[in-house]
Amino acid sequence: MDAGTHWERIYAGTSPSAVSWSEPTARTSLELIEEAGVGRDAPLIDVGGGASPLAGELLAQGYTDITVTDISASALEVSRAQLGERAARVTWIEADVLDHDLDRTFALWHDRAFFHFMVDPVAREAYLAAMRRGLAPDGQLVIATFGPEGPTSCSGLPVRRYGAEDLARLLPDFESASSRLVLHHTPSGRDQQFLYARFAPR
């Protein structure tokens, strides 16, 4: 089963508000994006952010150039429906960023809970190559993965857990600007450890 089919099945069988990664607010992501200091008119991309509240919260804070990508059409529709008329102010891309040409670069690349699915080294390198292509020369990265004590699988797929130093080793051309461990409370009542980190180019 390809990745797109897998995630469509997940969303078909589970309410978007009940999936384990669902969060009522993208507070920690917003904090790190604010720390990055990019302008409100700077281009931002949320990778794998289909059903995330982040786009709407960025709009509310005055950001004007927001792109959201996801491999799942259903996930993107969740966010569009939540935003209503404001959805027209966001660029939505249904694609796998590993092999999709974004046709532009961004001041900030955000990813919460996508990269940790790249357990295969080939897929991991493809992701990192796509991220580097998608970032402007001075672009920053905000990424959230399962932390060292986080789950070992999610939605029936294996994941790779990271500490701050683990991520830094994969990004020798970036400088670690900040990081923090956060407990995410899932809709089912479980706690999951996430690592949030921000990287700036060296």
N, C-alpha and C. Protein backbone atom coordinates (compact mmCIF):
# COMPACT_ATOMS: atom_id res chain seq x y z
N MET A 1 0.84 -1.19 0.00
CA MET A 1 0.00 0.00 0.00
C MET A 1 0.88 1.25 0.00
N ASP A 2 0.59 2.20 -0.91
CA ASP A 2 1.41 3.41 -0.93
C ASP A 2 0.99 4.33 0.20
N ALA A 3 1.84 5.36 0.44
CA ALA A 3 1.62 6.23 1.59
C ALA A 3 0.31 6.99 1.50
N GLY A 4 -0.02 7.46 0.30
CA GLY A 4 -1.26 8.21 0.15
C GLY A 4 -2.48 7.38 0.50
N THR A 5 -2.52 6.14 0.04
CA THR A 5 -3.64 5.26 0.34
C THR A 5 -3.73 4.97 1.83
N HIS A 6 -2.56 4.77 2.46
CA HIS A 6 -2.53 4.50 3.90
C HIS A 6 -3.19 5.63 4.67
N TRP A 7 -2.79 6.88 4.38
CA TRP A 7 -3.32 8.01 5.16
C TRP A 7 -4.77 8.30 4.83
N GLU A 8 -5.19 8.04 3.60
CA GLU A 8 -6.61 8.19 3.29
C GLU A 8 -7.44 7.20 4.11
N ARG A 9 -6.93 5.99 4.30
CA ARG A 9 -7.64 5.00 5.10
C ARG A 9 -7.69 5.42 6.56
N ILE A 10 -6.62 6.02 7.07
CA ILE A 10 -6.61 6.50 8.46
C ILE A 10 -7.70 7.54 8.66
N TYR A 11 -7.76 8.52 7.76
CA TYR A 11 -8.75 9.58 7.92
C TYR A 11 -10.17 9.09 7.65
N ALA A 12 -10.31 8.08 6.81
CA ALA A 12 -11.64 7.53 6.54
C ALA A 12 -12.19 6.79 7.75
N GLY A 13 -11.28 6.21 8.55
CA GLY A 13 -11.72 5.39 9.68
C GLY A 13 -11.69 6.07 11.02
N THR A 14 -11.15 7.30 11.08
CA THR A 14 -11.01 7.99 12.36
C THR A 14 -11.36 9.46 12.19
N SER A 15 -12.10 10.00 13.13
CA SER A 15 -12.41 11.43 13.10
C SER A 15 -11.12 12.23 13.19
N PRO A 16 -10.97 13.31 12.42
CA PRO A 16 -9.74 14.12 12.49
C PRO A 16 -9.40 14.60 13.90
N SER A 17 -10.40 14.79 14.73
CA SER A 17 -10.14 15.25 16.10
C SER A 17 -9.74 14.12 17.03
N ALA A 18 -9.81 12.86 16.53
CA ALA A 18 -9.50 11.71 17.36
C ALA A 18 -8.17 11.06 17.03
N VAL A 19 -7.53 11.45 15.91
CA VAL A 19 -6.23 10.86 15.58
C VAL A 19 -5.21 11.28 16.64
N SER A 20 -4.22 10.46 16.87
CA SER A 20 -3.34 10.65 18.02
C SER A 20 -2.57 11.96 17.98
N TRP A 21 -2.28 12.47 16.77
CA TRP A 21 -1.47 13.68 16.68
C TRP A 21 -2.31 14.96 16.73
N SER A 22 -3.63 14.81 16.82
CA SER A 22 -4.50 15.99 16.85
C SER A 22 -4.18 16.86 18.06
N GLU A 23 -4.17 18.18 17.85
CA GLU A 23 -3.97 19.12 18.95
C GLU A 23 -4.89 20.33 18.73
N PRO A 24 -5.45 20.85 19.81
CA PRO A 24 -6.39 21.97 19.65
C PRO A 24 -5.71 23.25 19.19
N THR A 25 -4.44 23.39 19.53
CA THR A 25 -3.67 24.56 19.11
C THR A 25 -2.24 24.14 18.84
N ALA A 26 -1.62 24.80 17.86
CA ALA A 26 -0.23 24.49 17.53
C ALA A 26 0.70 25.43 18.31
N ARG A 27 0.49 25.54 19.60
CA ARG A 27 1.15 26.54 20.42
C ARG A 27 2.67 26.47 20.34
N THR A 28 3.25 25.28 20.49
CA THR A 28 4.71 25.18 20.50
C THR A 28 5.28 25.52 19.13
N SER A 29 4.63 25.06 18.07
CA SER A 29 5.10 25.43 16.73
C SER A 29 5.06 26.94 16.54
N LEU A 30 3.98 27.57 16.99
CA LEU A 30 3.87 29.02 16.86
C LEU A 30 4.97 29.73 17.63
N GLU A 31 5.32 29.22 18.80
CA GLU A 31 6.38 29.83 19.59
C GLU A 31 7.71 29.79 18.85
N LEU A 32 8.02 28.64 18.25
CA LEU A 32 9.30 28.53 17.54
C LEU A 32 9.30 29.35 16.25
N ILE A 33 8.16 29.43 15.58
CA ILE A 33 8.09 30.26 14.38
C ILE A 33 8.28 31.73 14.76
N GLU A 34 7.69 32.13 15.88
CA GLU A 34 7.86 33.50 16.35
C GLU A 34 9.33 33.76 16.69
N GLU A 35 9.99 32.77 17.32
CA GLU A 35 11.41 32.90 17.65
C GLU A 35 12.26 33.10 16.39
N ALA A 36 11.84 32.49 15.29
CA ALA A 36 12.61 32.57 14.05
C ALA A 36 12.69 34.01 13.53
N GLY A 37 11.70 34.81 13.87
CA GLY A 37 11.75 36.22 13.51
C GLY A 37 11.51 36.52 12.04
N VAL A 38 10.88 35.61 11.32
CA VAL A 38 10.61 35.88 9.90
C VAL A 38 9.48 36.90 9.80
N GLY A 39 9.47 37.68 8.72
CA GLY A 39 8.46 38.69 8.54
C GLY A 39 7.08 38.10 8.34
N ARG A 40 6.07 38.89 8.63
CA ARG A 40 4.69 38.42 8.48
C ARG A 40 4.35 38.15 7.01
N ASP A 41 5.11 38.75 6.09
CA ASP A 41 4.87 38.50 4.66
C ASP A 41 5.84 37.49 4.08
N ALA A 42 6.67 36.88 4.92
CA ALA A 42 7.63 35.88 4.45
C ALA A 42 6.90 34.58 4.10
N PRO A 43 7.36 33.86 3.07
CA PRO A 43 6.71 32.60 2.70
C PRO A 43 7.04 31.47 3.68
N LEU A 44 5.99 30.83 4.20
CA LEU A 44 6.13 29.73 5.15
C LEU A 44 5.46 28.50 4.56
N ILE A 45 6.03 27.32 4.84
CA ILE A 45 5.41 26.08 4.40
C ILE A 45 5.26 25.13 5.58
N ASP A 46 4.08 24.52 5.68
CA ASP A 46 3.80 23.51 6.70
C ASP A 46 3.69 22.17 5.98
N VAL A 47 4.69 21.32 6.17
CA VAL A 47 4.79 20.06 5.45
C VAL A 47 4.08 18.95 6.24
N GLY A 48 3.17 18.26 5.57
CA GLY A 48 2.39 17.23 6.25
C GLY A 48 1.39 17.82 7.22
N GLY A 49 0.98 19.07 6.95
CA GLY A 49 0.13 19.79 7.90
C GLY A 49 -1.34 19.80 7.57
N GLY A 50 -1.81 18.79 6.84
CA GLY A 50 -3.17 18.80 6.33
C GLY A 50 -4.26 19.07 7.34
N ALA A 51 -4.26 18.38 8.46
CA ALA A 51 -5.35 18.54 9.43
C ALA A 51 -4.91 19.35 10.65
N SER A 52 -3.83 20.10 10.52
CA SER A 52 -3.30 20.88 11.63
C SER A 52 -4.01 22.23 11.75
N PRO A 53 -4.12 22.77 12.96
CA PRO A 53 -4.68 24.11 13.12
C PRO A 53 -3.68 25.22 12.82
N LEU A 54 -2.45 24.86 12.46
CA LEU A 54 -1.39 25.86 12.36
C LEU A 54 -1.70 26.94 11.33
N ALA A 55 -2.18 26.57 10.14
CA ALA A 55 -2.40 27.57 9.10
C ALA A 55 -3.37 28.65 9.57
N GLY A 56 -4.45 28.24 10.20
CA GLY A 56 -5.42 29.20 10.69
C GLY A 56 -4.84 30.10 11.76
N GLU A 57 -4.01 29.55 12.62
CA GLU A 57 -3.40 30.35 13.69
C GLU A 57 -2.35 31.30 13.12
N LEU A 58 -1.64 30.89 12.07
CA LEU A 58 -0.71 31.80 11.43
C LEU A 58 -1.45 32.96 10.77
N LEU A 59 -2.56 32.66 10.11
CA LEU A 59 -3.37 33.73 9.53
C LEU A 59 -3.81 34.71 10.61
N ALA A 60 -4.23 34.19 11.75
CA ALA A 60 -4.71 35.04 12.83
C ALA A 60 -3.61 35.94 13.37
N GLN A 61 -2.36 35.50 13.24
CA GLN A 61 -1.24 36.31 13.72
C GLN A 61 -0.69 37.24 12.65
N GLY A 62 -1.31 37.24 11.47
CA GLY A 62 -0.94 38.21 10.46
C GLY A 62 -0.01 37.71 9.37
N TYR A 63 0.32 36.42 9.37
CA TYR A 63 1.15 35.88 8.29
C TYR A 63 0.31 35.80 7.01
N THR A 64 0.90 36.14 5.91
CA THR A 64 0.11 36.30 4.67
C THR A 64 0.50 35.35 3.55
N ASP A 65 1.62 34.62 3.68
CA ASP A 65 2.09 33.75 2.59
C ASP A 65 2.32 32.36 3.16
N ILE A 66 1.25 31.57 3.21
CA ILE A 66 1.27 30.26 3.88
C ILE A 66 0.95 29.17 2.88
N THR A 67 1.78 28.14 2.85
CA THR A 67 1.54 26.96 2.02
C THR A 67 1.44 25.74 2.92
N VAL A 68 0.46 24.88 2.66
CA VAL A 68 0.31 23.63 3.41
C VAL A 68 0.35 22.48 2.42
N THR A 69 1.20 21.49 2.69
CA THR A 69 1.25 20.29 1.86
C THR A 69 0.83 19.08 2.68
N ASP A 70 0.22 18.13 2.02
CA ASP A 70 -0.08 16.85 2.64
C ASP A 70 -0.32 15.84 1.53
N ILE A 71 0.02 14.59 1.79
CA ILE A 71 -0.21 13.54 0.81
C ILE A 71 -1.67 13.11 0.79
N SER A 72 -2.43 13.50 1.84
CA SER A 72 -3.82 13.09 1.98
C SER A 72 -4.77 14.24 1.61
N ALA A 73 -5.59 14.02 0.59
CA ALA A 73 -6.60 15.01 0.23
C ALA A 73 -7.60 15.20 1.36
N SER A 74 -7.92 14.13 2.07
CA SER A 74 -8.88 14.23 3.18
C SER A 74 -8.35 15.11 4.29
N ALA A 75 -7.06 15.00 4.59
CA ALA A 75 -6.47 15.83 5.63
C ALA A 75 -6.52 17.30 5.26
N LEU A 76 -6.20 17.61 4.01
CA LEU A 76 -6.26 19.00 3.56
C LEU A 76 -7.68 19.54 3.62
N GLU A 77 -8.65 18.71 3.29
CA GLU A 77 -10.03 19.16 3.31
C GLU A 77 -10.49 19.49 4.72
N VAL A 78 -9.95 18.79 5.71
CA VAL A 78 -10.28 19.09 7.10
C VAL A 78 -9.92 20.53 7.42
N SER A 79 -8.69 20.93 7.08
CA SER A 79 -8.25 22.29 7.38
C SER A 79 -9.01 23.32 6.57
N ARG A 80 -9.24 23.04 5.30
CA ARG A 80 -9.99 23.99 4.47
C ARG A 80 -11.38 24.22 5.04
N ALA A 81 -12.02 23.14 5.47
CA ALA A 81 -13.37 23.27 6.03
C ALA A 81 -13.36 24.08 7.32
N GLN A 82 -12.34 23.87 8.14
CA GLN A 82 -12.25 24.60 9.41
C GLN A 82 -12.03 26.09 9.17
N LEU A 83 -11.30 26.44 8.13
CA LEU A 83 -10.99 27.84 7.86
C LEU A 83 -12.11 28.56 7.12
N GLY A 84 -12.97 27.82 6.45
CA GLY A 84 -14.05 28.47 5.72
C GLY A 84 -13.51 29.40 4.64
N GLU A 85 -14.02 30.62 4.60
CA GLU A 85 -13.61 31.58 3.57
C GLU A 85 -12.12 31.91 3.66
N ARG A 86 -11.55 31.81 4.86
CA ARG A 86 -10.12 32.13 5.02
C ARG A 86 -9.23 31.12 4.30
N ALA A 87 -9.76 29.95 3.95
CA ALA A 87 -8.95 28.93 3.26
C ALA A 87 -8.40 29.45 1.95
N ALA A 88 -9.07 30.41 1.33
CA ALA A 88 -8.61 30.96 0.06
C ALA A 88 -7.32 31.75 0.22
N ARG A 89 -6.96 32.08 1.44
CA ARG A 89 -5.73 32.84 1.69
C ARG A 89 -4.52 31.93 1.89
N VAL A 90 -4.72 30.62 1.79
CA VAL A 90 -3.66 29.62 1.97
C VAL A 90 -3.49 28.85 0.67
N THR A 91 -2.23 28.51 0.34
CA THR A 91 -1.96 27.64 -0.81
C THR A 91 -1.93 26.19 -0.32
N TRP A 92 -2.77 25.36 -0.93
CA TRP A 92 -2.89 23.95 -0.53
C TRP A 92 -2.30 23.07 -1.62
N ILE A 93 -1.41 22.16 -1.23
CA ILE A 93 -0.76 21.27 -2.20
C ILE A 93 -0.93 19.83 -1.75
N GLU A 94 -1.65 19.05 -2.54
CA GLU A 94 -1.77 17.61 -2.28
C GLU A 94 -0.64 16.91 -3.01
N ALA A 95 0.37 16.48 -2.28
CA ALA A 95 1.56 15.88 -2.91
C ALA A 95 2.45 15.27 -1.84
N ASP A 96 3.32 14.40 -2.29
CA ASP A 96 4.40 13.86 -1.46
C ASP A 96 5.62 14.75 -1.69
N VAL A 97 6.04 15.48 -0.67
CA VAL A 97 7.13 16.44 -0.87
C VAL A 97 8.45 15.76 -1.23
N LEU A 98 8.54 14.45 -1.02
CA LEU A 98 9.79 13.78 -1.35
C LEU A 98 10.10 13.84 -2.83
N ASP A 99 9.06 13.90 -3.67
CA ASP A 99 9.32 13.93 -5.10
C ASP A 99 8.50 15.00 -5.82
N HIS A 100 8.04 16.00 -5.07
CA HIS A 100 7.23 17.05 -5.68
C HIS A 100 8.05 18.33 -5.83
N ASP A 101 7.94 18.98 -6.97
CA ASP A 101 8.61 20.26 -7.21
C ASP A 101 7.74 21.38 -6.67
N LEU A 102 8.16 22.01 -5.60
CA LEU A 102 7.38 23.08 -4.99
C LEU A 102 7.43 24.37 -5.81
N ASP A 103 8.40 24.48 -6.68
CA ASP A 103 8.50 25.58 -7.64
C ASP A 103 8.72 26.93 -6.97
N ARG A 104 9.19 26.93 -5.74
CA ARG A 104 9.56 28.17 -5.06
C ARG A 104 10.33 27.81 -3.81
N THR A 105 10.86 28.80 -3.13
CA THR A 105 11.55 28.56 -1.87
C THR A 105 10.86 29.33 -0.75
N PHE A 106 11.17 28.91 0.48
CA PHE A 106 10.45 29.43 1.64
C PHE A 106 11.43 29.94 2.69
N ALA A 107 10.97 30.92 3.44
CA ALA A 107 11.77 31.47 4.54
C ALA A 107 11.77 30.55 5.75
N LEU A 108 10.73 29.71 5.85
CA LEU A 108 10.65 28.79 6.98
C LEU A 108 9.91 27.53 6.56
N TRP A 109 10.49 26.41 6.90
CA TRP A 109 9.93 25.07 6.64
C TRP A 109 9.50 24.49 7.97
N HIS A 110 8.21 24.21 8.13
CA HIS A 110 7.70 23.65 9.38
C HIS A 110 7.20 22.22 9.14
N ASP A 111 7.52 21.36 10.07
CA ASP A 111 7.08 19.96 9.99
C ASP A 111 6.83 19.45 11.40
N ARG A 112 5.58 19.11 11.68
CA ARG A 112 5.27 18.45 12.94
C ARG A 112 4.74 17.05 12.63
N ALA A 113 5.52 16.05 13.03
CA ALA A 113 5.08 14.65 12.99
C ALA A 113 5.04 14.05 11.60
N PHE A 114 5.90 14.52 10.70
CA PHE A 114 6.04 13.87 9.40
C PHE A 114 7.41 13.22 9.26
N PHE A 115 8.45 13.96 9.57
CA PHE A 115 9.80 13.46 9.35
C PHE A 115 10.08 12.16 10.11
N HIS A 116 9.48 11.99 11.27
CA HIS A 116 9.83 10.78 12.05
C HIS A 116 9.32 9.50 11.39
N PHE A 117 8.48 9.61 10.36
CA PHE A 117 8.09 8.42 9.60
C PHE A 117 9.16 8.00 8.58
N MET A 118 10.17 8.82 8.39
CA MET A 118 11.23 8.50 7.43
C MET A 118 12.25 7.56 8.08
N VAL A 119 11.85 6.32 8.30
CA VAL A 119 12.73 5.35 8.96
C VAL A 119 13.72 4.74 7.98
N ASP A 120 13.38 4.73 6.70
CA ASP A 120 14.27 4.20 5.68
C ASP A 120 15.30 5.27 5.32
N PRO A 121 16.59 4.93 5.32
CA PRO A 121 17.61 5.94 5.04
C PRO A 121 17.43 6.64 3.69
N VAL A 122 16.96 5.90 2.69
CA VAL A 122 16.75 6.52 1.38
C VAL A 122 15.65 7.57 1.45
N ALA A 123 14.55 7.24 2.12
CA ALA A 123 13.46 8.21 2.28
C ALA A 123 13.90 9.39 3.12
N ARG A 124 14.70 9.12 4.14
CA ARG A 124 15.19 10.20 5.00
C ARG A 124 16.05 11.18 4.21
N GLU A 125 16.93 10.67 3.39
CA GLU A 125 17.79 11.55 2.58
C GLU A 125 16.97 12.29 1.52
N ALA A 126 15.94 11.63 0.98
CA ALA A 126 15.07 12.30 0.01
C ALA A 126 14.33 13.46 0.67
N TYR A 127 13.89 13.26 1.90
CA TYR A 127 13.22 14.33 2.62
C TYR A 127 14.17 15.50 2.86
N LEU A 128 15.36 15.21 3.35
CA LEU A 128 16.32 16.27 3.65
C LEU A 128 16.71 17.03 2.39
N ALA A 129 16.82 16.32 1.27
CA ALA A 129 17.14 16.98 0.00
C ALA A 129 15.98 17.89 -0.42
N ALA A 130 14.74 17.41 -0.25
CA ALA A 130 13.58 18.23 -0.59
C ALA A 130 13.51 19.47 0.29
N MET A 131 13.82 19.31 1.58
CA MET A 131 13.81 20.44 2.50
C MET A 131 14.84 21.48 2.10
N ARG A 132 16.03 21.02 1.73
CA ARG A 132 17.08 21.97 1.34
C ARG A 132 16.71 22.68 0.03
N ARG A 133 16.10 21.97 -0.89
CA ARG A 133 15.65 22.61 -2.13
C ARG A 133 14.55 23.63 -1.86
N GLY A 134 13.72 23.34 -0.88
CA GLY A 134 12.58 24.20 -0.61
C GLY A 134 12.88 25.41 0.24
N LEU A 135 14.04 25.44 0.87
CA LEU A 135 14.38 26.56 1.73
C LEU A 135 15.18 27.61 0.98
N ALA A 136 14.88 28.87 1.22
CA ALA A 136 15.70 29.96 0.73
C ALA A 136 17.08 29.88 1.40
N PRO A 137 18.11 30.52 0.82
CA PRO A 137 19.46 30.42 1.40
C PRO A 137 19.53 30.77 2.88
N ASP A 138 18.71 31.69 3.33
CA ASP A 138 18.70 32.06 4.74
C ASP A 138 17.50 31.47 5.48
N GLY A 139 16.86 30.44 4.89
CA GLY A 139 15.65 29.87 5.46
C GLY A 139 15.91 29.05 6.70
N GLN A 140 14.92 28.99 7.57
CA GLN A 140 15.01 28.26 8.82
C GLN A 140 14.07 27.04 8.82
N LEU A 141 14.38 26.10 9.69
CA LEU A 141 13.63 24.86 9.81
C LEU A 141 13.07 24.74 11.22
N VAL A 142 11.78 24.50 11.33
CA VAL A 142 11.14 24.16 12.60
C VAL A 142 10.56 22.76 12.44
N ILE A 143 11.03 21.84 13.27
CA ILE A 143 10.66 20.44 13.09
C ILE A 143 10.30 19.82 14.44
N ALA A 144 9.27 18.99 14.43
CA ALA A 144 8.85 18.28 15.64
C ALA A 144 8.73 16.80 15.32
N THR A 145 9.44 16.00 16.08
CA THR A 145 9.43 14.54 15.92
C THR A 145 9.14 13.91 17.28
N PHE A 146 8.87 12.63 17.29
CA PHE A 146 8.81 11.95 18.57
C PHE A 146 10.18 12.04 19.23
N GLY A 147 10.17 12.32 20.54
CA GLY A 147 11.40 12.43 21.29
C GLY A 147 11.98 11.09 21.68
N PRO A 148 13.10 11.09 22.41
CA PRO A 148 13.78 9.85 22.78
C PRO A 148 12.90 8.86 23.53
N GLU A 149 11.90 9.36 24.26
CA GLU A 149 11.00 8.49 25.02
C GLU A 149 9.60 8.45 24.40
N GLY A 150 9.50 8.87 23.14
CA GLY A 150 8.22 8.86 22.45
C GLY A 150 7.86 7.47 21.94
N PRO A 151 6.71 7.36 21.27
CA PRO A 151 6.28 6.06 20.74
C PRO A 151 7.25 5.53 19.68
N THR A 152 7.20 4.24 19.45
CA THR A 152 8.02 3.61 18.41
C THR A 152 7.23 3.34 17.14
N SER A 153 5.92 3.62 17.19
CA SER A 153 5.09 3.48 16.00
C SER A 153 3.92 4.44 16.10
N CYS A 154 3.29 4.71 14.97
CA CYS A 154 2.14 5.60 14.93
C CYS A 154 1.27 5.24 13.74
N SER A 155 -0.01 5.09 13.96
CA SER A 155 -0.96 4.78 12.89
C SER A 155 -0.56 3.56 12.08
N GLY A 156 0.01 2.57 12.76
CA GLY A 156 0.38 1.33 12.10
C GLY A 156 1.71 1.36 11.38
N LEU A 157 2.46 2.45 11.52
CA LEU A 157 3.75 2.57 10.85
C LEU A 157 4.87 2.77 11.88
N PRO A 158 6.06 2.24 11.61
CA PRO A 158 7.18 2.49 12.50
C PRO A 158 7.64 3.94 12.39
N VAL A 159 8.23 4.45 13.45
CA VAL A 159 8.78 5.80 13.44
C VAL A 159 10.20 5.77 14.00
N ARG A 160 10.91 6.84 13.77
CA ARG A 160 12.24 6.99 14.36
C ARG A 160 12.19 8.12 15.38
N ARG A 161 12.68 7.86 16.57
CA ARG A 161 12.69 8.86 17.64
C ARG A 161 14.01 9.64 17.61
N TYR A 162 13.92 10.91 18.03
CA TYR A 162 15.09 11.78 17.94
C TYR A 162 15.30 12.58 19.22
N GLY A 163 16.57 12.74 19.56
CA GLY A 163 16.98 13.77 20.50
C GLY A 163 17.52 14.94 19.71
N ALA A 164 17.76 16.06 20.37
CA ALA A 164 18.23 17.26 19.68
C ALA A 164 19.56 17.00 18.96
N GLU A 165 20.45 16.26 19.60
CA GLU A 165 21.74 15.99 18.97
C GLU A 165 21.60 15.06 17.77
N ASP A 166 20.63 14.14 17.81
CA ASP A 166 20.39 13.25 16.67
C ASP A 166 20.00 14.05 15.44
N LEU A 167 19.08 15.01 15.62
CA LEU A 167 18.68 15.84 14.50
C LEU A 167 19.83 16.70 14.01
N ALA A 168 20.60 17.25 14.93
CA ALA A 168 21.72 18.11 14.56
C ALA A 168 22.73 17.37 13.69
N ARG A 169 22.95 16.09 13.97
CA ARG A 169 23.91 15.33 13.17
C ARG A 169 23.43 15.16 11.73
N LEU A 170 22.12 15.16 11.52
CA LEU A 170 21.59 15.04 10.16
C LEU A 170 21.62 16.36 9.41
N LEU A 171 21.91 17.45 10.12
CA LEU A 171 21.84 18.79 9.53
C LEU A 171 23.14 19.55 9.76
N PRO A 172 24.25 19.04 9.25
CA PRO A 172 25.55 19.69 9.52
C PRO A 172 25.66 21.10 8.93
N ASP A 173 24.82 21.42 7.95
CA ASP A 173 24.84 22.75 7.34
C ASP A 173 23.90 23.71 8.05
N PHE A 174 23.30 23.27 9.16
CA PHE A 174 22.42 24.12 9.95
C PHE A 174 22.95 24.21 11.38
N GLU A 175 22.59 25.28 12.04
CA GLU A 175 22.94 25.48 13.44
C GLU A 175 21.69 25.30 14.29
N SER A 176 21.83 24.55 15.37
CA SER A 176 20.70 24.35 16.28
C SER A 176 20.45 25.65 17.04
N ALA A 177 19.27 26.25 16.83
CA ALA A 177 18.96 27.53 17.45
C ALA A 177 18.23 27.34 18.78
N SER A 178 17.34 26.35 18.86
CA SER A 178 16.64 26.06 20.11
C SER A 178 15.95 24.71 19.99
N SER A 179 15.67 24.12 21.13
CA SER A 179 14.94 22.86 21.14
C SER A 179 14.28 22.68 22.49
N ARG A 180 13.23 21.87 22.51
CA ARG A 180 12.55 21.58 23.76
C ARG A 180 11.78 20.27 23.63
N LEU A 181 11.66 19.56 24.75
CA LEU A 181 10.83 18.36 24.81
C LEU A 181 9.46 18.74 25.34
N VAL A 182 8.42 18.25 24.68
CA VAL A 182 7.04 18.62 25.02
C VAL A 182 6.21 17.35 25.12
N LEU A 183 5.37 17.26 26.13
CA LEU A 183 4.43 16.14 26.23
C LEU A 183 3.14 16.51 25.50
N HIS A 184 2.81 15.71 24.50
CA HIS A 184 1.56 15.90 23.77
C HIS A 184 0.51 14.97 24.36
N HIS A 185 -0.62 15.53 24.73
CA HIS A 185 -1.72 14.73 25.29
C HIS A 185 -2.66 14.35 24.15
N THR A 186 -2.72 13.08 23.84
CA THR A 186 -3.52 12.62 22.72
C THR A 186 -5.01 12.66 23.08
N PRO A 187 -5.89 12.66 22.07
CA PRO A 187 -7.33 12.64 22.36
C PRO A 187 -7.77 11.44 23.19
N SER A 188 -7.00 10.34 23.11
CA SER A 188 -7.35 9.14 23.89
C SER A 188 -6.83 9.19 25.33
N GLY A 189 -6.10 10.27 25.67
CA GLY A 189 -5.64 10.44 27.04
C GLY A 189 -4.22 9.99 27.31
N ARG A 190 -3.50 9.59 26.28
CA ARG A 190 -2.11 9.17 26.47
C ARG A 190 -1.16 10.36 26.26
N ASP A 191 0.02 10.24 26.85
CA ASP A 191 1.04 11.26 26.67
C ASP A 191 2.09 10.76 25.70
N GLN A 192 2.51 11.62 24.79
CA GLN A 192 3.56 11.30 23.84
C GLN A 192 4.63 12.39 23.91
N GLN A 193 5.87 11.95 24.02
CA GLN A 193 6.97 12.92 24.07
C GLN A 193 7.36 13.35 22.66
N PHE A 194 7.35 14.65 22.43
CA PHE A 194 7.81 15.23 21.18
C PHE A 194 9.05 16.07 21.42
N LEU A 195 9.92 16.07 20.43
CA LEU A 195 11.04 17.00 20.39
C LEU A 195 10.72 18.08 19.37
N TYR A 196 10.73 19.33 19.79
CA TYR A 196 10.60 20.47 18.89
C TYR A 196 11.95 21.14 18.77
N ALA A 197 12.35 21.45 17.55
CA ALA A 197 13.66 22.08 17.35
C ALA A 197 13.60 23.10 16.21
N ARG A 198 14.40 24.13 16.36
CA ARG A 198 14.53 25.14 15.31
C ARG A 198 15.99 25.21 14.87
N PHE A 199 16.19 25.20 13.56
CA PHE A 199 17.54 25.26 12.99
C PHE A 199 17.63 26.45 12.04
N ALA A 200 18.78 27.10 12.06
CA ALA A 200 19.07 28.21 11.16
C ALA A 200 20.31 27.84 10.35
N PRO A 201 20.46 28.36 9.13
CA PRO A 201 21.63 28.02 8.32
C PRO A 201 22.91 28.56 8.96
N ARG A 202 23.98 27.82 8.77
CA ARG A 202 25.28 28.28 9.30
C ARG A 202 25.83 29.42 8.44
